[in-house]
């Protein structure tokens, strides 16, 4: 059940990540890389850490999605 464990880990990462930001996670495993105001900034921060294909998701604050410039 590694996939189920990864889903729980992902939920935990997002619960602990800054709200109202774009969150960059590693592609191959649920690992927090960065949080930023924009999608592009989160991607750049992840790239600076060596992750060339990050998973970037919004982490809404009270149901609001962050902006996408």
N, C-alpha and C. Protein backbone atom coordinates (compact mmCIF):
# COMPACT_ATOMS: atom_id res chain seq x y z
N UNK A 1 0.79 -1.21 0.00
CA UNK A 1 0.00 0.00 0.00
C UNK A 1 0.84 1.27 0.00
N UNK A 2 1.93 1.31 -0.74
CA UNK A 2 2.74 2.53 -0.77
C UNK A 2 1.97 3.73 -1.31
N UNK A 3 1.06 3.52 -2.27
CA UNK A 3 0.32 4.64 -2.83
C UNK A 3 -0.58 5.28 -1.78
N UNK A 4 -1.21 4.47 -0.95
CA UNK A 4 -2.06 5.00 0.11
C UNK A 4 -1.23 5.80 1.11
N UNK A 5 -0.07 5.29 1.45
CA UNK A 5 0.82 6.01 2.36
C UNK A 5 1.24 7.34 1.77
N UNK A 6 1.52 7.36 0.46
CA UNK A 6 1.90 8.60 -0.22
C UNK A 6 0.76 9.61 -0.21
N UNK A 7 -0.49 9.15 -0.35
CA UNK A 7 -1.63 10.06 -0.31
C UNK A 7 -1.77 10.69 1.06
N UNK A 8 -1.56 9.89 2.11
CA UNK A 8 -1.62 10.45 3.46
C UNK A 8 -0.48 11.42 3.69
N UNK A 9 0.69 11.12 3.17
CA UNK A 9 1.84 12.02 3.31
C UNK A 9 1.57 13.33 2.56
N UNK A 10 1.00 13.25 1.39
CA UNK A 10 0.67 14.44 0.62
C UNK A 10 -0.32 15.31 1.38
N UNK A 11 -1.35 14.70 1.95
CA UNK A 11 -2.33 15.45 2.73
C UNK A 11 -1.66 16.13 3.92
N UNK A 12 -0.74 15.43 4.56
CA UNK A 12 -0.02 15.99 5.70
C UNK A 12 0.86 17.17 5.26
N UNK A 13 1.55 17.02 4.14
CA UNK A 13 2.39 18.11 3.63
C UNK A 13 1.58 19.36 3.35
N UNK A 14 0.44 19.19 2.69
CA UNK A 14 -0.38 20.35 2.36
C UNK A 14 -1.03 20.96 3.60
N UNK A 15 -1.37 20.14 4.58
CA UNK A 15 -1.94 20.67 5.82
C UNK A 15 -0.93 21.53 6.57
N UNK A 16 0.34 21.20 6.46
CA UNK A 16 1.39 21.93 7.17
C UNK A 16 2.05 23.03 6.33
N UNK A 17 1.70 23.10 5.05
CA UNK A 17 2.29 24.10 4.17
C UNK A 17 1.58 25.44 4.34
N UNK A 18 2.25 26.53 3.99
CA UNK A 18 1.61 27.85 4.09
C UNK A 18 0.34 27.93 3.26
N UNK A 19 -0.70 28.49 3.84
CA UNK A 19 -1.98 28.64 3.15
C UNK A 19 -1.93 29.85 2.21
N UNK A 20 -2.69 29.77 1.12
CA UNK A 20 -2.76 30.86 0.16
C UNK A 20 -1.53 30.99 -0.71
N UNK A 21 -0.75 29.94 -0.81
CA UNK A 21 0.49 29.94 -1.60
C UNK A 21 0.44 28.80 -2.62
N UNK A 22 1.35 28.87 -3.57
CA UNK A 22 1.60 27.76 -4.48
C UNK A 22 2.68 26.90 -3.85
N UNK A 23 2.45 25.59 -3.80
CA UNK A 23 3.34 24.66 -3.13
C UNK A 23 4.03 23.79 -4.18
N UNK A 24 5.35 23.73 -4.11
CA UNK A 24 6.13 22.87 -5.01
C UNK A 24 6.52 21.60 -4.25
N UNK A 25 6.20 20.47 -4.85
CA UNK A 25 6.52 19.17 -4.27
C UNK A 25 7.40 18.40 -5.25
N UNK A 26 8.19 17.49 -4.72
CA UNK A 26 9.03 16.68 -5.59
C UNK A 26 8.14 15.75 -6.43
N UNK A 27 8.60 15.42 -7.61
CA UNK A 27 7.83 14.62 -8.55
C UNK A 27 7.74 13.15 -8.13
N UNK A 28 8.84 12.60 -7.65
CA UNK A 28 8.91 11.15 -7.41
C UNK A 28 8.44 10.72 -6.03
N UNK A 29 8.33 11.62 -5.11
CA UNK A 29 7.86 11.27 -3.76
C UNK A 29 7.25 12.52 -3.14
N UNK A 30 6.32 12.35 -2.22
CA UNK A 30 5.74 13.53 -1.61
C UNK A 30 6.75 14.19 -0.66
N UNK A 31 7.38 15.25 -1.16
CA UNK A 31 8.36 15.99 -0.36
C UNK A 31 8.19 17.46 -0.66
N UNK A 32 8.04 18.27 0.39
CA UNK A 32 7.88 19.71 0.24
C UNK A 32 9.19 20.32 -0.24
N UNK A 33 9.09 21.18 -1.26
CA UNK A 33 10.26 21.88 -1.77
C UNK A 33 10.20 23.38 -1.49
N UNK A 34 9.04 23.98 -1.77
CA UNK A 34 8.95 25.44 -1.64
C UNK A 34 7.51 25.89 -1.62
N UNK A 35 7.32 27.12 -1.14
CA UNK A 35 6.03 27.79 -1.19
C UNK A 35 6.28 29.20 -1.72
N UNK A 36 5.39 29.67 -2.58
CA UNK A 36 5.58 31.00 -3.18
C UNK A 36 4.23 31.63 -3.51
N UNK A 37 4.27 32.91 -3.79
CA UNK A 37 3.05 33.66 -4.11
C UNK A 37 2.50 33.29 -5.49
N UNK A 38 3.37 32.89 -6.42
CA UNK A 38 2.94 32.57 -7.78
C UNK A 38 3.41 31.19 -8.19
N UNK A 39 2.73 30.64 -9.20
CA UNK A 39 3.11 29.35 -9.76
C UNK A 39 4.56 29.39 -10.25
N UNK A 40 4.88 30.44 -11.02
CA UNK A 40 6.22 30.57 -11.60
C UNK A 40 7.31 30.66 -10.54
N UNK A 41 7.04 31.39 -9.47
CA UNK A 41 8.03 31.52 -8.40
C UNK A 41 8.25 30.19 -7.70
N UNK A 42 7.17 29.42 -7.50
CA UNK A 42 7.31 28.10 -6.87
C UNK A 42 8.12 27.18 -7.78
N UNK A 43 7.88 27.23 -9.09
CA UNK A 43 8.63 26.41 -10.03
C UNK A 43 10.11 26.77 -10.01
N UNK A 44 10.40 28.06 -9.96
CA UNK A 44 11.79 28.51 -9.96
C UNK A 44 12.51 28.06 -8.69
N UNK A 45 11.84 28.17 -7.54
CA UNK A 45 12.45 27.73 -6.28
C UNK A 45 12.71 26.22 -6.28
N UNK A 46 11.78 25.46 -6.85
CA UNK A 46 11.97 24.01 -6.94
C UNK A 46 13.15 23.68 -7.86
N UNK A 47 13.26 24.40 -8.99
CA UNK A 47 14.36 24.17 -9.92
C UNK A 47 15.70 24.47 -9.27
N UNK A 48 15.74 25.51 -8.45
CA UNK A 48 16.97 25.86 -7.74
C UNK A 48 17.41 24.75 -6.79
N UNK A 49 16.46 23.91 -6.39
CA UNK A 49 16.79 22.77 -5.51
C UNK A 49 17.06 21.50 -6.31
N UNK A 50 17.11 21.62 -7.64
CA UNK A 50 17.44 20.48 -8.48
C UNK A 50 16.24 19.69 -8.97
N UNK A 51 15.04 20.11 -8.67
CA UNK A 51 13.83 19.41 -9.13
C UNK A 51 13.37 20.05 -10.43
N UNK A 52 13.58 19.34 -11.54
CA UNK A 52 13.26 19.90 -12.85
C UNK A 52 11.81 19.68 -13.27
N UNK A 53 11.11 18.78 -12.60
CA UNK A 53 9.70 18.51 -12.93
C UNK A 53 8.87 18.46 -11.65
N UNK A 54 8.79 19.57 -10.93
CA UNK A 54 8.05 19.55 -9.67
C UNK A 54 6.55 19.47 -9.89
N UNK A 55 5.87 18.99 -8.88
CA UNK A 55 4.41 19.04 -8.84
C UNK A 55 4.07 20.32 -8.09
N UNK A 56 3.33 21.20 -8.74
CA UNK A 56 2.99 22.49 -8.12
C UNK A 56 1.48 22.57 -7.98
N UNK A 57 1.06 22.78 -6.75
CA UNK A 57 -0.38 22.81 -6.45
C UNK A 57 -0.71 24.04 -5.62
N UNK A 58 -1.91 24.57 -5.80
CA UNK A 58 -2.33 25.66 -4.93
C UNK A 58 -2.72 25.11 -3.57
N UNK A 59 -2.45 25.86 -2.53
CA UNK A 59 -2.87 25.49 -1.18
C UNK A 59 -3.79 26.61 -0.70
N UNK A 60 -5.08 26.50 -1.01
CA UNK A 60 -6.00 27.60 -0.75
C UNK A 60 -6.14 27.95 0.72
N UNK A 61 -6.48 29.19 0.91
CA UNK A 61 -6.76 29.69 2.25
C UNK A 61 -8.26 29.91 2.33
N UNK A 62 -8.94 29.08 3.09
CA UNK A 62 -10.39 29.15 3.25
C UNK A 62 -11.12 29.05 1.92
N UNK A 63 -10.69 28.13 1.08
CA UNK A 63 -11.38 27.88 -0.17
C UNK A 63 -11.02 28.80 -1.31
N UNK A 64 -10.12 29.75 -1.09
CA UNK A 64 -9.70 30.66 -2.15
C UNK A 64 -8.43 30.15 -2.79
N UNK A 65 -8.35 30.20 -4.11
CA UNK A 65 -7.14 29.78 -4.81
C UNK A 65 -6.19 30.95 -4.97
N UNK A 66 -4.88 30.70 -4.89
CA UNK A 66 -3.92 31.77 -5.13
C UNK A 66 -3.95 32.24 -6.58
N UNK A 67 -3.43 33.41 -6.85
CA UNK A 67 -3.43 33.96 -8.20
C UNK A 67 -2.44 33.24 -9.09
N UNK A 68 -2.69 33.28 -10.41
CA UNK A 68 -1.83 32.64 -11.40
C UNK A 68 -1.32 33.67 -12.37
N UNK A 69 -0.26 34.42 -12.01
CA UNK A 69 0.30 35.38 -12.98
C UNK A 69 1.23 34.70 -13.96
